[in-house]
C-alpha atoms as a PDB file:
ATOM      1  CA  MET A   1      -4.233   7.419 -69.844  1.00  0.00           C
ATOM      2  CA  GLN A   2      -3.251   4.707 -67.080  1.00  0.00           C
ATOM      3  CA  ILE A   3       0.303   3.973 -65.875  1.00  0.00           C
ATOM      4  CA  GLY A   4       0.896   1.948 -62.682  1.00  0.00           C
ATOM      5  CA  VAL A   5       3.775   4.256 -60.450  1.00  0.00           C
ATOM      6  CA  ILE A   6       6.226   1.911 -57.980  1.00  0.00           C
ATOM      7  CA  GLY A   7       8.125   3.614 -55.681  1.00  0.00           C
ATOM      8  CA  LEU A   8       6.820   6.798 -54.067  1.00  0.00           C
ATOM      9  CA  GLY A   9       9.537   8.269 -52.654  1.00  0.00           C
ATOM     10  CA  ARG A  10      10.973  12.684 -53.569  1.00  0.00           C
ATOM     11  CA  MET A  11       9.730  12.455 -57.356  1.00  0.00           C
ATOM     12  CA  GLY A  12       8.076   8.955 -57.526  1.00  0.00           C
ATOM     13  CA  ALA A  13       4.748  10.747 -55.585  1.00  0.00           C
ATOM     14  CA  ASN A  14       4.975  14.140 -57.417  1.00  0.00           C
ATOM     15  CA  ILE A  15       5.096  12.009 -60.668  1.00  0.00           C
ATOM     16  CA  VAL A  16       1.741  10.522 -59.500  1.00  0.00           C
ATOM     17  CA  ARG A  17       0.373  13.602 -58.517  1.00  0.00           C
ATOM     18  CA  ARG A  18       1.266  15.720 -61.477  1.00  0.00           C
ATOM     19  CA  LEU A  19      -0.045  13.200 -63.743  1.00  0.00           C
ATOM     20  CA  MET A  20      -3.662  13.128 -61.687  1.00  0.00           C
ATOM     21  CA  ARG A  21      -3.622  16.444 -62.226  1.00  0.00           C
ATOM     22  CA  GLN A  22      -3.745  16.639 -66.040  1.00  0.00           C
ATOM     23  CA  GLY A  23      -6.414  13.738 -65.780  1.00  0.00           C
ATOM     24  CA  HIS A  24      -4.283  10.244 -66.079  1.00  0.00           C
ATOM     25  CA  THR A  25      -5.662   7.430 -63.555  1.00  0.00           C
ATOM     26  CA  CYS A  26      -2.521   6.110 -61.527  1.00  0.00           C
ATOM     27  CA  VAL A  27      -2.165   2.557 -59.738  1.00  0.00           C
ATOM     28  CA  VAL A  28       0.761   2.726 -57.513  1.00  0.00           C
ATOM     29  CA  TYR A  29       2.758   0.804 -55.239  1.00  0.00           C
ATOM     30  CA  ASP A  30       5.515   1.579 -52.079  1.00  0.00           C
ATOM     31  CA  ARG A  31       6.690  -0.417 -49.531  1.00  0.00           C
ATOM     32  CA  ASP A  32       6.317   1.452 -47.410  1.00  0.00           C
ATOM     33  CA  PRO A  33       2.562   2.492 -46.808  1.00  0.00           C
ATOM     34  CA  GLU A  34       2.113   6.011 -46.133  1.00  0.00           C
ATOM     35  CA  PRO A  35       3.152   7.708 -49.523  1.00  0.00           C
ATOM     36  CA  GLY A  36       0.493   5.443 -50.627  1.00  0.00           C
ATOM     37  CA  ARG A  37      -2.330   6.720 -47.737  1.00  0.00           C
ATOM     38  CA  ALA A  38      -1.389  10.407 -48.628  1.00  0.00           C
ATOM     39  CA  LEU A  39      -1.629  10.076 -52.467  1.00  0.00           C
ATOM     40  CA  ALA A  40      -4.874   8.173 -52.170  1.00  0.00           C
ATOM     41  CA  LYS A  41      -6.528  11.467 -51.025  1.00  0.00           C
ATOM     42  CA  ASP A  42      -5.695  12.926 -53.706  1.00  0.00           C
ATOM     43  CA  GLY A  43      -7.276  10.005 -56.617  1.00  0.00           C
ATOM     44  CA  ALA A  44      -4.744   7.442 -57.029  1.00  0.00           C
ATOM     45  CA  SER A  45      -5.229   3.451 -56.074  1.00  0.00           C
ATOM     46  CA  VAL A  46      -3.115   1.882 -54.135  1.00  0.00           C
ATOM     47  CA  ALA A  47      -2.244  -1.690 -54.877  1.00  0.00           C
ATOM     48  CA  PRO A  48      -1.118  -3.968 -51.250  1.00  0.00           C
ATOM     49  CA  ASN A  49       1.458  -5.775 -53.954  1.00  0.00           C
ATOM     50  CA  LEU A  50       2.859  -5.838 -57.172  1.00  0.00           C
ATOM     51  CA  ALA A  51       0.208  -8.815 -58.451  1.00  0.00           C
ATOM     52  CA  GLU A  52      -2.268  -6.587 -57.305  1.00  0.00           C
ATOM     53  CA  LEU A  53      -1.501  -3.622 -59.094  1.00  0.00           C
ATOM     54  CA  VAL A  54      -0.529  -5.858 -62.291  1.00  0.00           C
ATOM     55  CA  SER A  55      -4.474  -6.907 -61.979  1.00  0.00           C
ATOM     56  CA  THR A  56      -5.637  -3.493 -61.537  1.00  0.00           C
ATOM     57  CA  LEU A  57      -4.476  -2.342 -64.826  1.00  0.00           C
ATOM     58  CA  ASP A  58      -5.472  -2.583 -67.854  1.00  0.00           C
ATOM     59  CA  ALA A  59      -3.722  -4.169 -71.221  1.00  0.00           C
ATOM     60  CA  PRO A  60      -1.355  -3.147 -72.553  1.00  0.00           C
ATOM     61  CA  ARG A  61      -0.219  -2.190 -69.542  1.00  0.00           C
ATOM     62  CA  ALA A  62       2.650   0.542 -69.080  1.00  0.00           C
ATOM     63  CA  VAL A  63       4.371   0.756 -65.216  1.00  0.00           C
ATOM     64  CA  TRP A  64       6.543   3.701 -64.549  1.00  0.00           C
ATOM     65  CA  ILE A  65       9.598   2.492 -61.636  1.00  0.00           C
ATOM     66  CA  MET A  66      10.835   5.007 -59.590  1.00  0.00           C
ATOM     67  CA  LEU A  67      13.518   3.698 -57.434  1.00  0.00           C
ATOM     68  CA  PRO A  68      16.848   3.802 -56.515  1.00  0.00           C
ATOM     69  CA  ALA A  69      19.203   2.403 -59.332  1.00  0.00           C
ATOM     70  CA  GLY A  70      20.873  -0.645 -59.008  1.00  0.00           C
ATOM     71  CA  ALA A  71      19.623  -3.749 -56.970  1.00  0.00           C
ATOM     72  CA  THR A  72      16.336  -2.073 -55.680  1.00  0.00           C
ATOM     73  CA  THR A  73      15.317  -1.416 -59.121  1.00  0.00           C
ATOM     74  CA  GLU A  74      17.044  -4.719 -60.304  1.00  0.00           C
ATOM     75  CA  ALA A  75      14.701  -6.914 -58.372  1.00  0.00           C
ATOM     76  CA  ALA A  76      11.577  -4.862 -58.726  1.00  0.00           C
ATOM     77  CA  ILE A  77      11.617  -5.329 -63.020  1.00  0.00           C
ATOM     78  CA  ASP A  78      12.528  -9.155 -62.685  1.00  0.00           C
ATOM     79  CA  GLU A  79       9.888  -9.326 -60.109  1.00  0.00           C
ATOM     80  CA  LEU A  80       7.622  -7.544 -62.158  1.00  0.00           C
ATOM     81  CA  SER A  81       8.488  -9.018 -65.274  1.00  0.00           C
ATOM     82  CA  ARG A  82       7.063 -11.798 -63.952  1.00  0.00           C
ATOM     83  CA  GLN A  83       3.661 -10.822 -63.501  1.00  0.00           C
ATOM     84  CA  LEU A  84       2.991  -8.658 -66.630  1.00  0.00           C
ATOM     85  CA  GLU A  85       2.293  -9.753 -69.994  1.00  0.00           C
ATOM     86  CA  ARG A  86       3.114  -9.637 -73.615  1.00  0.00           C
ATOM     87  CA  GLY A  87       2.740  -6.057 -75.101  1.00  0.00           C
ATOM     88  CA  ASP A  88       3.170  -4.376 -71.479  1.00  0.00           C
ATOM     89  CA  THR A  89       5.788  -1.860 -70.649  1.00  0.00           C
ATOM     90  CA  ILE A  90       8.299  -1.497 -67.834  1.00  0.00           C
ATOM     91  CA  ILE A  91       9.709   2.013 -67.776  1.00  0.00           C
ATOM     92  CA  ASP A  92      12.435   2.982 -65.192  1.00  0.00           C
ATOM     93  CA  GLY A  93      12.603   6.452 -64.542  1.00  0.00           C
ATOM     94  CA  GLY A  94      15.429   6.522 -62.423  1.00  0.00           C
ATOM     95  CA  ASN A  95      19.293   6.669 -62.987  1.00  0.00           C
ATOM     96  CA  THR A  96      20.200   3.383 -63.390  1.00  0.00           C
ATOM     97  CA  PHE A  97      23.687   3.082 -65.733  1.00  0.00           C
ATOM     98  CA  TRP A  98      22.997   2.978 -69.109  1.00  0.00           C
ATOM     99  CA  LYS A  99      24.550  -0.064 -69.959  1.00  0.00           C
ATOM    100  CA  ASP A 100      22.485  -2.198 -67.694  1.00  0.00           C
ATOM    101  CA  ASP A 101      19.397  -0.891 -70.133  1.00  0.00           C
ATOM    102  CA  VAL A 102      20.345  -2.582 -73.165  1.00  0.00           C
ATOM    103  CA  ARG A 103      20.851  -6.176 -71.119  1.00  0.00           C
ATOM    104  CA  ARG A 104      17.293  -5.400 -69.460  1.00  0.00           C
ATOM    105  CA  ALA A 105      15.823  -4.550 -72.816  1.00  0.00           C
ATOM    106  CA  GLY A 106      17.402  -7.673 -74.510  1.00  0.00           C
ATOM    107  CA  GLN A 107      16.097  -9.804 -71.558  1.00  0.00           C
ATOM    108  CA  LEU A 108      12.432  -8.024 -71.408  1.00  0.00           C
ATOM    109  CA  ALA A 109      12.032  -8.471 -75.675  1.00  0.00           C
ATOM    110  CA  ALA A 110      12.678 -12.014 -75.089  1.00  0.00           C
ATOM    111  CA  ARG A 111       9.463 -12.212 -72.896  1.00  0.00           C
ATOM    112  CA  GLY A 112       7.413  -9.781 -75.631  1.00  0.00           C
ATOM    113  CA  LEU A 113       7.734  -6.893 -73.051  1.00  0.00           C
ATOM    114  CA  TYR A 114       8.531  -3.398 -73.752  1.00  0.00           C
ATOM    115  CA  TYR A 115      11.230  -1.233 -71.624  1.00  0.00           C
ATOM    116  CA  LEU A 116      11.638   2.138 -71.623  1.00  0.00           C
ATOM    117  CA  ASP A 117      14.743   3.871 -69.804  1.00  0.00           C
ATOM    118  CA  VAL A 118      13.675   7.771 -68.729  1.00  0.00           C
ATOM    119  CA  GLY A 119      15.921   9.862 -67.856  1.00  0.00           C
ATOM    120  CA  THR A 120      14.191  12.404 -65.332  1.00  0.00           C
ATOM    121  CA  SER A 121      15.127  15.727 -64.700  1.00  0.00           C
ATOM    122  CA  GLY A 122      13.590  17.991 -62.165  1.00  0.00           C
ATOM    123  CA  GLY A 123      14.009  17.295 -58.761  1.00  0.00           C
ATOM    124  CA  VAL A 124      11.556  17.364 -56.035  1.00  0.00           C
ATOM    125  CA  TRP A 125      10.324  20.558 -57.818  1.00  0.00           C
ATOM    126  CA  GLY A 126       9.300  18.815 -60.684  1.00  0.00           C
ATOM    127  CA  LEU A 127       5.129  19.059 -59.628  1.00  0.00           C
ATOM    128  CA  GLU A 128       4.970  22.361 -60.418  1.00  0.00           C
ATOM    129  CA  ARG A 129       8.232  23.319 -62.580  1.00  0.00           C
ATOM    130  CA  GLY A 130       7.706  19.889 -65.053  1.00  0.00           C
ATOM    131  CA  TYR A 131      10.209  17.430 -65.400  1.00  0.00           C
ATOM    132  CA  CYS A 132      12.626  17.473 -68.583  1.00  0.00           C
ATOM    133  CA  LEU A 133      12.678  13.896 -70.169  1.00  0.00           C
ATOM    134  CA  MET A 134      15.185  12.121 -71.920  1.00  0.00           C
ATOM    135  CA  ILE A 135      13.924   8.801 -73.615  1.00  0.00           C
ATOM    136  CA  GLY A 136      15.470   6.019 -74.745  1.00  0.00           C
ATOM    137  CA  GLY A 137      13.314   2.376 -76.304  1.00  0.00           C
ATOM    138  CA  ASP A 138      10.633   1.581 -79.285  1.00  0.00           C
ATOM    139  CA  ALA A 139       9.906   4.500 -81.038  1.00  0.00           C
ATOM    140  CA  SER A 140       6.129   2.849 -81.456  1.00  0.00           C
ATOM    141  CA  VAL A 141       5.773   2.570 -77.348  1.00  0.00           C
ATOM    142  CA  VAL A 142       7.027   5.948 -76.869  1.00  0.00           C
ATOM    143  CA  ASP A 143       4.361   7.604 -79.640  1.00  0.00           C
ATOM    144  CA  ARG A 144       1.971   5.684 -77.522  1.00  0.00           C
ATOM    145  CA  LEU A 145       2.529   6.824 -73.800  1.00  0.00           C
ATOM    146  CA  ASP A 146       3.003  10.127 -75.424  1.00  0.00           C
ATOM    147  CA  PRO A 147       0.024  11.644 -73.804  1.00  0.00           C
ATOM    148  CA  ILE A 148       2.295  10.902 -70.294  1.00  0.00           C
ATOM    149  CA  PHE A 149       5.223  12.393 -71.066  1.00  0.00           C
ATOM    150  CA  ALA A 150       3.614  15.327 -72.597  1.00  0.00           C
ATOM    151  CA  ALA A 151       1.691  15.764 -68.646  1.00  0.00           C
ATOM    152  CA  LEU A 152       4.703  15.349 -67.088  1.00  0.00           C
ATOM    153  CA  ALA A 153       6.813  17.770 -69.133  1.00  0.00           C
ATOM    154  CA  PRO A 154       6.958  21.256 -68.462  1.00  0.00           C
ATOM    155  CA  GLY A 155       5.537  22.644 -71.507  1.00  0.00           C
ATOM    156  CA  ARG A 156       7.410  25.776 -73.207  1.00  0.00           C
ATOM    157  CA  GLY A 157       6.679  28.104 -70.734  1.00  0.00           C
ATOM    158  CA  ALA A 158       8.538  31.893 -71.280  1.00  0.00           C
ATOM    159  CA  ILE A 159      11.649  29.876 -72.920  1.00  0.00           C
ATOM    160  CA  ALA A 160      12.106  31.654 -76.728  1.00  0.00           C
ATOM    161  CA  THR A 161      12.360  29.278 -79.819  1.00  0.00           C
ATOM    162  CA  THR A 162      15.214  28.219 -80.842  1.00  0.00           C
ATOM    163  CA  VAL A 163      16.125  30.016 -84.694  1.00  0.00           C
ATOM    164  CA  ALA A 164      16.131  27.431 -86.959  1.00  0.00           C
ATOM    165  CA  ARG A 165      14.515  24.715 -85.102  1.00  0.00           C
ATOM    166  CA  GLN A 166      12.014  24.298 -88.190  1.00  0.00           C
ATOM    167  CA  GLY A 167      11.258  20.670 -89.313  1.00  0.00           C
ATOM    168  CA  ARG A 168      12.805  19.110 -85.794  1.00  0.00           C
ATOM    169  CA  ASP A 169      10.727  17.303 -83.445  1.00  0.00           C
ATOM    170  CA  ARG A 170       8.013  19.750 -81.428  1.00  0.00           C
ATOM    171  CA  ARG A 171       8.312  17.175 -78.504  1.00  0.00           C
ATOM    172  CA  VAL A 172      11.994  18.281 -77.850  1.00  0.00           C
ATOM    173  CA  GLU A 173      10.522  22.320 -77.554  1.00  0.00           C
ATOM    174  CA  GLN A 174       7.650  21.154 -74.190  1.00  0.00           C
ATOM    175  CA  GLY A 175      10.161  19.608 -72.558  1.00  0.00           C
ATOM    176  CA  TYR A 176      10.487  16.021 -73.840  1.00  0.00           C
ATOM    177  CA  LEU A 177      13.052  13.749 -75.809  1.00  0.00           C
ATOM    178  CA  HIS A 178      12.836  10.407 -77.511  1.00  0.00           C
ATOM    179  CA  ALA A 179      16.702  10.089 -77.658  1.00  0.00           C
ATOM    180  CA  GLY A 180      17.092   6.928 -79.401  1.00  0.00           C
ATOM    181  CA  PRO A 181      17.040   3.435 -78.687  1.00  0.00           C
ATOM    182  CA  SER A 182      16.911   1.410 -75.642  1.00  0.00           C
ATOM    183  CA  CYS A 183      19.665   3.101 -73.597  1.00  0.00           C
ATOM    184  CA  ALA A 184      19.657   6.479 -75.238  1.00  0.00           C
ATOM    185  CA  GLY A 185      17.796   7.922 -72.610  1.00  0.00           C
ATOM    186  CA  HIS A 186      19.699   6.864 -69.397  1.00  0.00           C
ATOM    187  CA  PHE A 187      22.674   8.031 -71.476  1.00  0.00           C
ATOM    188  CA  VAL A 188      21.772  11.569 -72.140  1.00  0.00           C
ATOM    189  CA  LYS A 189      20.651  11.844 -68.577  1.00  0.00           C
ATOM    190  CA  MET A 190      23.980  10.587 -67.373  1.00  0.00           C
ATOM    191  CA  ILE A 191      25.710  13.228 -69.345  1.00  0.00           C
ATOM    192  CA  HIS A 192      23.579  16.132 -67.939  1.00  0.00           C
ATOM    193  CA  ASN A 193      24.085  14.904 -64.133  1.00  0.00           C
ATOM    194  CA  GLY A 194      28.131  14.954 -65.395  1.00  0.00           C
ATOM    195  CA  ILE A 195      27.585  18.639 -66.879  1.00  0.00           C
ATOM    196  CA  VAL A 196      25.853  19.673 -63.327  1.00  0.00           C
ATOM    197  CA  TYR A 197      28.818  18.602 -62.008  1.00  0.00           C
ATOM    198  CA  GLY A 198      30.957  20.971 -63.491  1.00  0.00           C
ATOM    199  CA  MET A 199      28.655  23.689 -63.346  1.00  0.00           C
ATOM    200  CA  MET A 200      28.109  23.306 -59.338  1.00  0.00           C
ATOM    201  CA  GLN A 201      31.800  23.039 -59.586  1.00  0.00           C
ATOM    202  CA  ALA A 202      32.406  26.476 -61.248  1.00  0.00           C
ATOM    203  CA  ILE A 203      29.763  28.023 -59.062  1.00  0.00           C
ATOM    204  CA  ALA A 204      31.093  26.963 -55.564  1.00  0.00           C
ATOM    205  CA  GLU A 205      34.530  27.848 -56.656  1.00  0.00           C
ATOM    206  CA  GLY A 206      33.375  31.080 -57.693  1.00  0.00           C
ATOM    207  CA  PHE A 207      31.672  32.088 -54.595  1.00  0.00           C
ATOM    208  CA  ASP A 208      34.629  30.551 -52.356  1.00  0.00           C
ATOM    209  CA  ILE A 209      36.973  33.022 -54.300  1.00  0.00           C
ATOM    210  CA  MET A 210      34.664  35.887 -53.134  1.00  0.00           C
ATOM    211  CA  LYS A 211      34.547  34.347 -49.517  1.00  0.00           C
ATOM    212  CA  ASN A 212      38.215  34.476 -49.065  1.00  0.00           C
ATOM    213  CA  ALA A 213      38.855  38.103 -50.841  1.00  0.00           C
ATOM    214  CA  THR A 214      39.278  39.410 -46.988  1.00  0.00           C
ATOM    215  CA  SER A 215      42.111  37.071 -46.580  1.00  0.00           C
ATOM    216  CA  PRO A 216      44.590  38.261 -44.227  1.00  0.00           C
ATOM    217  CA  ARG A 217      47.142  37.291 -47.502  1.00  0.00           C
ATOM    218  CA  LEU A 218      46.012  40.101 -48.824  1.00  0.00           C
ATOM    219  CA  PRO A 219      47.445  43.528 -49.008  1.00  0.00           C
ATOM    220  CA  HIS A 220      44.612  45.242 -46.559  1.00  0.00           C
ATOM    221  CA  GLU A 221      44.212  48.072 -49.322  1.00  0.00           C
ATOM    222  CA  LEU A 222      43.056  44.994 -51.489  1.00  0.00           C
ATOM    223  CA  ARG A 223      40.895  43.268 -49.518  1.00  0.00           C
ATOM    224  CA  LEU A 224      36.652  43.296 -49.900  1.00  0.00           C
ATOM    225  CA  GLU A 225      34.131  42.630 -47.894  1.00  0.00           C
ATOM    226  CA  LEU A 226      30.951  41.088 -50.364  1.00  0.00           C
ATOM    227  CA  ASP A 227      27.683  40.375 -49.541  1.00  0.00           C
ATOM    228  CA  LEU A 228      27.708  36.581 -51.483  1.00  0.00           C
ATOM    229  CA  ALA A 229      23.896  36.638 -50.891  1.00  0.00           C
ATOM    230  CA  ASP A 230      23.360  39.879 -53.535  1.00  0.00           C
ATOM    231  CA  VAL A 231      26.006  38.587 -55.626  1.00  0.00           C
ATOM    232  CA  ALA A 232      23.677  35.795 -56.639  1.00  0.00           C
ATOM    233  CA  GLU A 233      20.988  37.926 -56.244  1.00  0.00           C
ATOM    234  CA  VAL A 234      22.298  40.734 -58.990  1.00  0.00           C
ATOM    235  CA  TRP A 235      23.541  37.761 -61.212  1.00  0.00           C
ATOM    236  CA  ARG A 236      20.135  36.451 -61.525  1.00  0.00           C
ATOM    237  CA  ARG A 237      19.146  39.316 -63.469  1.00  0.00           C
ATOM    238  CA  GLY A 238      20.429  39.670 -66.947  1.00  0.00           C
ATOM    239  CA  SER A 239      23.592  38.139 -66.462  1.00  0.00           C
ATOM    240  CA  VAL A 240      25.599  35.554 -68.705  1.00  0.00           C
ATOM    241  CA  ILE A 241      25.779  32.923 -65.861  1.00  0.00           C
ATOM    242  CA  THR A 242      21.608  33.111 -64.992  1.00  0.00           C
ATOM    243  CA  SER A 243      20.279  29.682 -64.631  1.00  0.00           C
ATOM    244  CA  TRP A 244      17.928  27.953 -62.429  1.00  0.00           C
ATOM    245  CA  LEU A 245      21.213  26.336 -60.035  1.00  0.00           C
ATOM    246  CA  LEU A 246      21.925  30.318 -59.378  1.00  0.00           C
ATOM    247  CA  ASP A 247      18.798  30.439 -57.914  1.00  0.00           C
ATOM    248  CA  LEU A 248      19.126  27.657 -55.851  1.00  0.00           C
ATOM    249  CA  MET A 249      22.081  29.758 -54.937  1.00  0.00           C
ATOM    250  CA  ALA A 250      20.549  32.974 -53.839  1.00  0.00           C
ATOM    251  CA  SER A 251      18.155  31.393 -52.111  1.00  0.00           C
ATOM    252  CA  ALA A 252      20.474  29.346 -50.051  1.00  0.00           C
ATOM    253  CA  LEU A 253      22.722  32.435 -49.562  1.00  0.00           C
ATOM    254  CA  ALA A 254      19.860  34.803 -48.437  1.00  0.00           C
ATOM    255  CA  GLU A 255      18.407  32.387 -45.986  1.00  0.00           C
ATOM    256  CA  ASP A 256      22.001  31.157 -44.445  1.00  0.00           C
ATOM    257  CA  PRO A 257      24.848  33.894 -45.853  1.00  0.00           C
ATOM    258  CA  LYS A 258      27.394  31.847 -44.502  1.00  0.00           C
ATOM    259  CA  LEU A 259      25.923  28.672 -44.989  1.00  0.00           C
ATOM    260  CA  ALA A 260      26.703  27.351 -41.478  1.00  0.00           C
ATOM    261  CA  GLY A 261      24.357  25.066 -41.789  1.00  0.00           C
ATOM    262  CA  TYR A 262      26.477  22.868 -44.115  1.00  0.00           C
ATOM    263  CA  SER A 263      29.786  20.840 -43.457  1.00  0.00           C
ATOM    264  CA  GLY A 264      30.574  21.147 -46.658  1.00  0.00           C
ATOM    265  CA  HIS A 265      30.630  16.675 -47.293  1.00  0.00           C
ATOM    266  CA  VAL A 266      29.693  16.227 -50.950  1.00  0.00           C
ATOM    267  CA  GLU A 267      28.289  12.876 -52.231  1.00  0.00           C
ATOM    268  CA  ASP A 268      27.937  11.469 -55.513  1.00  0.00           C
ATOM    269  CA  SER A 269      25.508   9.511 -56.944  1.00  0.00           C
ATOM    270  CA  GLY A 270      27.301   7.574 -59.841  1.00  0.00           C
ATOM    271  CA  GLU A 271      26.289   9.497 -62.768  1.00  0.00           C
ATOM    272  CA  GLY A 272      29.599  11.510 -62.549  1.00  0.00           C
ATOM    273  CA  ARG A 273      31.657   8.859 -61.992  1.00  0.00           C
ATOM    274  CA  TRP A 274      29.514   6.857 -65.349  1.00  0.00           C
ATOM    275  CA  THR A 275      30.206   9.819 -67.243  1.00  0.00           C
ATOM    276  CA  VAL A 276      33.959  10.121 -66.405  1.00  0.00           C
ATOM    277  CA  ALA A 277      34.588   6.290 -67.547  1.00  0.00           C
ATOM    278  CA  ALA A 278      32.004   6.879 -70.635  1.00  0.00           C
ATOM    279  CA  ALA A 279      34.888   9.847 -71.447  1.00  0.00           C
ATOM    280  CA  ILE A 280      37.659   7.145 -71.073  1.00  0.00           C
ATOM    281  CA  GLU A 281      36.080   4.564 -73.444  1.00  0.00           C
ATOM    282  CA  GLU A 282      35.707   7.446 -76.151  1.00  0.00           C
ATOM    283  CA  ALA A 283      38.821   8.785 -75.434  1.00  0.00           C
ATOM    284  CA  VAL A 284      36.891  12.410 -75.434  1.00  0.00           C
ATOM    285  CA  PRO A 285      39.012  14.847 -72.955  1.00  0.00           C
ATOM    286  CA  ALA A 286      36.478  15.504 -69.751  1.00  0.00           C
ATOM    287  CA  GLU A 287      38.619  18.008 -67.998  1.00  0.00           C
ATOM    288  CA  VAL A 288      36.025  19.907 -66.018  1.00  0.00           C
ATOM    289  CA  LEU A 289      33.750  17.022 -65.141  1.00  0.00           C
ATOM    290  CA  THR A 290      36.568  15.069 -64.011  1.00  0.00           C
ATOM    291  CA  ALA A 291      38.004  17.831 -61.628  1.00  0.00           C
ATOM    292  CA  ALA A 292      34.606  18.482 -60.080  1.00  0.00           C
ATOM    293  CA  LEU A 293      34.256  14.673 -59.589  1.00  0.00           C
ATOM    294  CA  TYR A 294      36.944  14.640 -57.612  1.00  0.00           C
ATOM    295  CA  ALA A 295      36.522  18.032 -55.960  1.00  0.00           C
ATOM    296  CA  ARG A 296      33.744  15.621 -54.226  1.00  0.00           C
ATOM    297  CA  PHE A 297      35.965  12.850 -53.070  1.00  0.00           C
ATOM    298  CA  ARG A 298      38.211  15.513 -51.419  1.00  0.00           C
ATOM    299  CA  SER A 299      35.346  17.079 -49.618  1.00  0.00           C
ATOM    300  CA  ARG A 300      35.244  13.702 -47.491  1.00  0.00           C
ATOM    301  CA  GLN A 301      38.510  14.919 -46.281  1.00  0.00           C
ATOM    302  CA  ASP A 302      38.495  18.582 -46.152  1.00  0.00           C
ATOM    303  CA  HIS A 303      35.958  20.755 -46.529  1.00  0.00           C
ATOM    304  CA  THR A 304      36.087  24.483 -47.548  1.00  0.00           C
ATOM    305  CA  PHE A 305      33.211  26.827 -48.006  1.00  0.00           C
ATOM    306  CA  ALA A 306      33.156  25.845 -51.875  1.00  0.00           C
ATOM    307  CA  GLU A 307      32.190  22.602 -50.711  1.00  0.00           C
ATOM    308  CA  LYS A 308      29.366  23.765 -48.561  1.00  0.00           C
ATOM    309  CA  VAL A 309      27.844  25.609 -51.621  1.00  0.00           C
ATOM    310  CA  LEU A 310      27.666  22.145 -53.599  1.00  0.00           C
ATOM    311  CA  SER A 311      25.974  20.868 -50.611  1.00  0.00           C
ATOM    312  CA  ALA A 312      23.475  23.713 -50.912  1.00  0.00           C
ATOM    313  CA  LEU A 313      23.038  23.366 -54.021  1.00  0.00           C
ATOM    314  CA  ARG A 314      22.439  19.517 -54.169  1.00  0.00           C
ATOM    315  CA  LYS A 315      19.736  20.199 -51.114  1.00  0.00           C
ATOM    316  CA  GLY A 316      18.093  22.322 -53.546  1.00  0.00           C
ATOM    317  CA  PHE A 317      17.603  20.867 -56.869  1.00  0.00           C
ATOM    318  CA  GLY A 318      17.071  17.288 -55.200  1.00  0.00           C
ATOM    319  CA  GLY A 319      16.356  17.557 -51.587  1.00  0.00           C
ATOM    320  CA  HIS A 320      19.856  15.900 -50.670  1.00  0.00           C
ATOM    321  CA  VAL A 321      21.301  16.251 -47.432  1.00  0.00           C
ATOM    322  CA  GLU A 322      25.008  15.521 -45.926  1.00  0.00           C
ATOM    323  CA  PRO A 323      25.009  11.999 -44.306  1.00  0.00           C
ATOM    324  CA  ARG A 324      24.867  12.461 -40.785  1.00  0.00           C
ATOM    325  CA  GLU A 325      28.488  11.513 -39.669  1.00  0.00           C
ATOM    326  CA  ALA A 326      29.509  14.452 -41.326  1.00  0.00           C
END
């Protein structure tokens, strides 16, 4: 299939590469010409502006936007919508606030345009590992663009089939889900990211406790000198908490056992706050996720080893770098 991609940052460029590897044709645009030049060497067609990108695509067009959530994405959708024609589709693969999707879908529908919100998980490793996709929007459009989603998804891999899934949507087992109408994709991805906060916090606190097992507050005979890199490595192999996050933790500790390269200043990119806000609106208790969010706020005032763990994990899966002032 043919698709346009706007935004060639950490994930956008690799989305293009993964699609082209599986035979799809990509027309790309970014304000910074450098990533476009790199992708042109891999076979992408580079447009100098949005109008040229649209004119290069065959109708019905599909354009994937991979930009930071908020004003940047809003402006791109507004400009793009004035270039597209009835029956074309805009796909937002970023971390947009789900309520904005409801508004956008309605506005675009009035112009005869389709809108899909696609929660995209996979970070900087998606090119090789694939992207877990959570899709919201019109079912007929999702079905028409299925080859795109199938190419980006990780596939079944070596993961065993879940018992009693007979008769359910087989696409889910390939790593992509049509979650529901517009906003459903980003809502599910928002909760996913909120859960990540909690999982990361649990790992961070556990390793902080082990690091402080040598504390002078403890009786001498109860002090333990633990090799945290080895603990992380052994837990990767057969333990109940085996996970990609633990894989990243083992790599970070093997490279930098004291995580001296991190200050422990941990940013949040919005999804954790939105998850807690959704819990409040629904009157659902979310003690772990809320505490994990607040721990990030505190990290900007006072740092512990646990926060260094969080920073190392964020860099591992998403390429997030601590602020310079940290």
